[in-house]
N, C-alpha and C. Protein backbone atom coordinates (compact mmCIF):
# COMPACT_ATOMS: atom_id res chain seq x y z
N UNK A 1 78.90 23.51 234.22
CA UNK A 1 77.98 23.33 233.59
C UNK A 1 79.27 23.59 232.28
N UNK A 2 78.55 22.94 230.68
CA UNK A 2 78.95 22.94 229.77
C UNK A 2 78.72 23.38 228.54
N UNK A 3 78.99 24.57 228.18
CA UNK A 3 78.03 25.82 226.99
C UNK A 3 77.02 25.74 227.45
N UNK A 4 76.69 26.41 228.51
CA UNK A 4 75.84 26.47 229.52
C UNK A 4 74.65 25.83 229.55
N UNK A 5 74.90 24.08 229.69
CA UNK A 5 74.03 23.00 229.65
C UNK A 5 74.79 22.65 230.97
N UNK A 6 74.21 21.48 231.50
CA UNK A 6 74.14 20.95 232.66
C UNK A 6 75.11 19.27 231.94
N UNK A 7 75.78 18.90 232.80
CA UNK A 7 76.30 17.74 232.70
C UNK A 7 75.47 16.30 232.38
N UNK A 8 74.67 16.85 232.99
CA UNK A 8 73.04 15.50 232.56
C UNK A 8 72.59 15.85 230.92
N UNK A 9 72.36 17.19 230.86
CA UNK A 9 71.41 17.52 229.74
C UNK A 9 72.90 17.49 228.26
N UNK A 10 74.02 17.66 228.78
CA UNK A 10 75.54 17.33 227.65
C UNK A 10 74.95 15.69 227.94
N UNK A 11 75.27 14.45 228.00
CA UNK A 11 74.79 13.55 228.46
C UNK A 11 73.55 13.02 226.99
N UNK A 12 72.23 13.13 227.01
CA UNK A 12 71.18 13.18 227.36
C UNK A 12 71.69 14.08 225.54
N UNK A 13 72.31 15.16 225.41
CA UNK A 13 72.02 16.05 224.40
C UNK A 13 73.20 14.85 223.15
N UNK A 14 74.03 13.91 223.39
CA UNK A 14 74.78 13.37 222.58
C UNK A 14 74.22 12.13 222.75
N UNK A 15 73.88 11.44 223.54
CA UNK A 15 72.91 9.90 223.62
C UNK A 15 72.94 9.30 222.10
N UNK A 16 72.17 10.28 221.20
CA UNK A 16 71.51 9.04 220.46
C UNK A 16 72.27 9.99 219.07
N UNK A 17 73.19 10.45 219.63
CA UNK A 17 73.95 11.30 218.35
C UNK A 17 74.94 10.27 217.90
N UNK A 18 74.41 9.84 216.28
CA UNK A 18 75.66 8.76 215.59
C UNK A 18 77.37 8.80 215.25
N UNK A 19 77.30 8.12 216.61
CA UNK A 19 78.54 7.60 216.65
C UNK A 19 78.97 6.53 215.79
N UNK A 20 80.84 6.14 215.23
CA UNK A 20 80.82 5.07 214.66
C UNK A 20 82.91 4.93 214.74
N UNK A 21 82.84 3.51 214.65
CA UNK A 21 83.94 2.74 214.64
C UNK A 21 85.09 2.76 213.75
N UNK A 22 85.89 3.66 213.04
CA UNK A 22 86.89 3.06 212.05
C UNK A 22 87.73 2.13 212.38
N UNK A 23 87.77 1.19 212.18
CA UNK A 23 88.90 -0.20 211.72
C UNK A 23 90.38 0.19 210.58
N UNK A 24 91.26 0.51 210.45
CA UNK A 24 92.49 0.40 209.74
C UNK A 24 92.60 -0.99 210.19
N UNK A 25 92.04 -1.85 208.81
CA UNK A 25 92.92 -2.84 209.11
C UNK A 25 94.59 -3.90 208.00
N UNK A 26 94.76 -4.26 208.40
CA UNK A 26 96.01 -4.73 207.26
C UNK A 26 96.87 -2.97 207.14
N UNK A 27 96.59 -2.29 208.83
CA UNK A 27 98.14 -1.13 208.50
C UNK A 27 99.15 -1.17 208.87
N UNK A 28 100.31 -0.83 207.84
CA UNK A 28 101.57 -1.16 208.40
C UNK A 28 101.70 -1.07 209.48
N UNK A 29 102.82 -1.78 209.96
CA UNK A 29 103.94 -1.88 211.46
C UNK A 29 103.75 -0.26 211.34
N UNK A 30 104.44 0.49 210.71
CA UNK A 30 105.32 1.94 210.17
C UNK A 30 104.74 2.97 210.93
N UNK A 31 103.11 2.66 211.03
CA UNK A 31 102.13 3.79 211.53
C UNK A 31 101.60 3.25 212.41
N UNK A 32 102.51 2.22 213.35
CA UNK A 32 101.64 2.25 215.14
C UNK A 32 101.96 3.92 215.20
N UNK A 33 102.71 4.19 215.27
CA UNK A 33 103.30 5.51 216.48
C UNK A 33 102.20 6.72 216.34
N UNK A 34 102.30 6.91 214.43
CA UNK A 34 101.57 7.72 214.21
C UNK A 34 99.95 7.21 214.02
N UNK A 35 99.45 6.38 214.56
CA UNK A 35 97.99 5.57 214.53
C UNK A 35 97.53 5.26 217.07
N UNK A 36 98.38 5.16 217.13
CA UNK A 36 98.25 5.56 218.37
C UNK A 36 98.47 7.27 219.09
N UNK A 37 99.15 7.75 218.26
CA UNK A 37 99.27 9.63 218.55
C UNK A 37 98.07 10.14 218.45
N UNK A 38 97.07 9.67 216.91
CA UNK A 38 95.84 9.59 216.95
C UNK A 38 94.67 9.05 217.63
N UNK A 39 94.63 8.36 218.77
CA UNK A 39 94.16 8.08 218.90
C UNK A 39 93.28 6.16 218.88
N UNK A 40 93.85 5.85 217.94
CA UNK A 40 93.71 4.73 218.17
C UNK A 40 94.47 3.11 218.56
N UNK A 41 93.24 3.08 218.62
CA UNK A 41 93.35 1.71 219.82
C UNK A 41 93.46 -0.46 219.07
N UNK A 42 94.33 -0.94 219.71
CA UNK A 42 94.81 -2.32 218.95
C UNK A 42 93.19 -3.13 219.75
N UNK A 43 92.79 -3.55 218.79
CA UNK A 43 91.74 -4.55 219.07
C UNK A 43 91.11 -5.64 218.44
N UNK A 44 90.02 -6.16 219.00
CA UNK A 44 89.99 -7.11 217.84
C UNK A 44 89.00 -7.06 216.52
N UNK A 45 88.65 -7.24 215.77
CA UNK A 45 87.88 -7.16 214.51
C UNK A 45 86.94 -7.34 214.76
N UNK A 46 85.87 -7.19 214.66
CA UNK A 46 84.59 -7.71 214.86
C UNK A 46 84.56 -9.10 214.12
N UNK A 47 83.97 -10.23 213.76
CA UNK A 47 83.61 -11.17 213.13
C UNK A 47 84.78 -12.51 212.67
N UNK A 48 85.60 -11.43 213.52
CA UNK A 48 87.07 -12.07 212.58
C UNK A 48 88.32 -12.54 213.65
N UNK A 49 88.99 -13.40 213.50
CA UNK A 49 90.45 -13.94 214.79
C UNK A 49 91.70 -12.67 215.13
N UNK A 50 91.43 -11.93 213.25
CA UNK A 50 92.24 -10.89 213.21
C UNK A 50 92.42 -9.77 214.54
N UNK A 51 93.41 -9.05 214.07
CA UNK A 51 93.43 -7.07 214.78
C UNK A 51 93.37 -5.93 214.34
N UNK A 52 93.30 -5.51 214.42
CA UNK A 52 93.91 -4.13 213.71
C UNK A 52 93.25 -2.94 214.46
N UNK A 53 93.74 -1.41 214.09
CA UNK A 53 93.45 -0.41 214.82
C UNK A 53 91.82 0.64 214.85
N UNK A 54 91.82 0.89 215.63
CA UNK A 54 90.18 1.54 215.44
C UNK A 54 90.02 2.44 216.41
N UNK A 55 89.62 3.50 216.07
CA UNK A 55 88.97 4.54 216.94
C UNK A 55 87.70 5.12 216.27
N UNK A 56 87.19 5.57 217.62
CA UNK A 56 85.38 5.54 217.16
C UNK A 56 85.71 7.52 217.67
N UNK A 57 85.01 8.38 216.06
CA UNK A 57 84.67 9.43 215.63
C UNK A 57 83.42 9.22 215.34
N UNK A 58 82.84 11.19 215.12
CA UNK A 58 81.53 11.14 214.59
C UNK A 58 81.68 11.92 213.18
N UNK A 59 82.89 11.02 212.91
CA UNK A 59 84.01 12.04 211.23
C UNK A 59 84.09 10.91 211.01
N UNK A 60 83.79 9.80 210.70
CA UNK A 60 83.88 8.60 209.71
C UNK A 60 84.93 8.88 208.43
N UNK A 61 84.63 9.30 207.61
CA UNK A 61 84.50 10.70 206.26
C UNK A 61 85.97 11.36 206.59
N UNK A 62 86.48 11.68 207.67
CA UNK A 62 87.64 12.71 208.12
C UNK A 62 89.01 11.98 208.11
N UNK A 63 88.12 10.41 209.20
CA UNK A 63 88.89 9.46 209.64
C UNK A 63 89.79 7.94 208.71
N UNK A 64 88.56 8.58 207.22
CA UNK A 64 89.05 7.29 205.99
C UNK A 64 89.91 8.42 205.44
N UNK A 65 89.63 9.64 205.09
CA UNK A 65 90.65 10.91 204.76
C UNK A 65 92.54 10.81 205.30
N UNK A 66 91.89 10.68 206.61
CA UNK A 66 93.86 10.43 207.47
C UNK A 66 93.71 9.75 206.60
N UNK A 67 93.92 8.04 207.27
CA UNK A 67 94.11 6.92 206.49
C UNK A 67 94.49 7.14 205.51
N UNK A 68 93.77 7.43 203.96
CA UNK A 68 93.93 7.27 202.94
C UNK A 68 95.61 7.89 202.88
N UNK A 69 95.59 9.57 203.20
CA UNK A 69 96.38 10.10 203.34
C UNK A 69 97.93 10.03 204.06
N UNK A 70 97.69 8.93 205.48
CA UNK A 70 98.51 9.30 205.82
C UNK A 70 99.48 7.83 206.40
N UNK A 71 98.18 6.84 206.16
CA UNK A 71 98.86 4.86 207.10
C UNK A 71 98.75 4.26 205.50
N UNK A 72 97.55 4.39 204.58
CA UNK A 72 97.35 3.72 203.60
C UNK A 72 98.31 4.18 202.37
N UNK A 73 98.63 4.43 202.49
CA UNK A 73 99.38 5.11 201.02
C UNK A 73 99.31 4.42 199.86
N UNK A 74 99.23 2.97 199.99
CA UNK A 74 99.68 2.69 198.58
C UNK A 74 98.49 1.84 198.59
N UNK A 75 97.01 2.21 199.32
CA UNK A 75 96.26 1.66 199.03
C UNK A 75 95.63 0.81 200.04
N UNK A 76 94.52 0.12 201.03
CA UNK A 76 94.32 -0.43 202.02
C UNK A 76 92.80 -0.15 201.99
N UNK A 77 92.19 -1.84 203.01
CA UNK A 77 90.99 -1.44 203.92
C UNK A 77 90.31 -0.96 205.03
N UNK A 78 89.08 -0.41 204.76
CA UNK A 78 89.09 0.46 206.63
C UNK A 78 87.92 0.29 206.49
N UNK A 79 87.41 -0.57 207.92
CA UNK A 79 85.55 -0.89 207.84
C UNK A 79 85.14 0.56 208.71
N UNK A 80 84.15 0.41 208.81
CA UNK A 80 83.55 1.86 209.50
C UNK A 80 82.06 1.22 209.96
N UNK A 81 82.31 1.10 211.00
CA UNK A 81 81.60 0.46 212.37
C UNK A 81 80.06 1.40 212.45
N UNK A 82 78.94 1.07 213.01
CA UNK A 82 77.85 2.15 213.61
C UNK A 82 77.91 2.05 214.34
N UNK A 83 77.89 2.76 215.94
CA UNK A 83 77.67 2.26 217.44
C UNK A 83 76.55 3.32 217.33
N UNK A 84 75.06 2.02 217.66
CA UNK A 84 73.58 2.76 218.27
C UNK A 84 74.04 2.98 220.07
N UNK A 85 73.51 4.12 220.68
CA UNK A 85 73.49 3.64 221.87
C UNK A 85 73.25 3.10 222.91
N UNK A 86 72.93 2.14 222.34
CA UNK A 86 72.39 0.59 223.08
C UNK A 86 73.00 -0.17 222.69
N UNK A 87 74.57 -0.40 222.08
CA UNK A 87 75.50 -1.29 221.17
C UNK A 87 76.57 -0.77 221.94
N UNK A 88 76.95 0.29 222.27
CA UNK A 88 78.19 0.92 223.20
C UNK A 88 79.19 0.59 224.02
N UNK A 89 78.44 -0.34 224.40
CA UNK A 89 78.85 -1.17 225.38
C UNK A 89 78.70 -2.54 225.28
N UNK A 90 78.13 -3.31 224.27
CA UNK A 90 78.15 -4.45 224.30
C UNK A 90 78.86 -5.29 222.72
N UNK A 91 78.82 -6.54 222.84
CA UNK A 91 80.03 -6.80 222.00
C UNK A 91 79.41 -7.16 221.02
N UNK A 92 78.45 -6.87 220.00
CA UNK A 92 77.24 -6.65 218.96
C UNK A 92 78.28 -6.20 217.92
N UNK A 93 78.22 -5.94 217.01
CA UNK A 93 79.27 -5.10 216.02
C UNK A 93 78.11 -5.09 214.33
N UNK A 94 78.80 -4.26 214.20
CA UNK A 94 77.91 -4.23 212.67
C UNK A 94 78.62 -3.58 212.37
N UNK A 95 79.17 -4.00 210.60
CA UNK A 95 79.72 -3.65 209.88
C UNK A 95 78.74 -2.79 208.42
N UNK A 96 78.73 -1.50 208.25
CA UNK A 96 77.86 -0.75 207.87
C UNK A 96 78.64 -0.57 206.07
N UNK A 97 79.70 -0.17 206.51
CA UNK A 97 80.16 0.02 205.10
C UNK A 97 81.90 -0.43 205.13
N UNK A 98 82.70 -1.10 203.82
CA UNK A 98 84.09 -1.27 203.81
C UNK A 98 84.31 -0.45 202.86
N UNK A 99 85.62 0.30 202.62
CA UNK A 99 86.15 1.33 201.90
C UNK A 99 87.74 1.53 201.87
N UNK A 100 87.79 1.06 200.59
CA UNK A 100 89.07 1.18 199.91
C UNK A 100 89.50 2.67 199.62
N UNK A 101 90.48 2.88 200.86
CA UNK A 101 91.41 3.45 200.65
C UNK A 101 92.31 4.45 200.04
């Protein structure tokens, strides 16, 4: 039991919770270790032939703040993608905003 709930109850409670993918496009190579340590993965960027570092989170603003302070110290571009429960395991992607940090 998790927090007084069963495992299935926990899954149902979180299934419709908004999740986001934050893409650190063009991150400097020197920050590779920092991004990996935080849980970022090297993936294909949706709608592009490029690759970038990506993390799934429920706090995209916090990730943008982290990227602006630790990774893109001279400025950069971050893509934020909302991932709905029906899209989570499909190749469909929808970038909802581009953030310049």
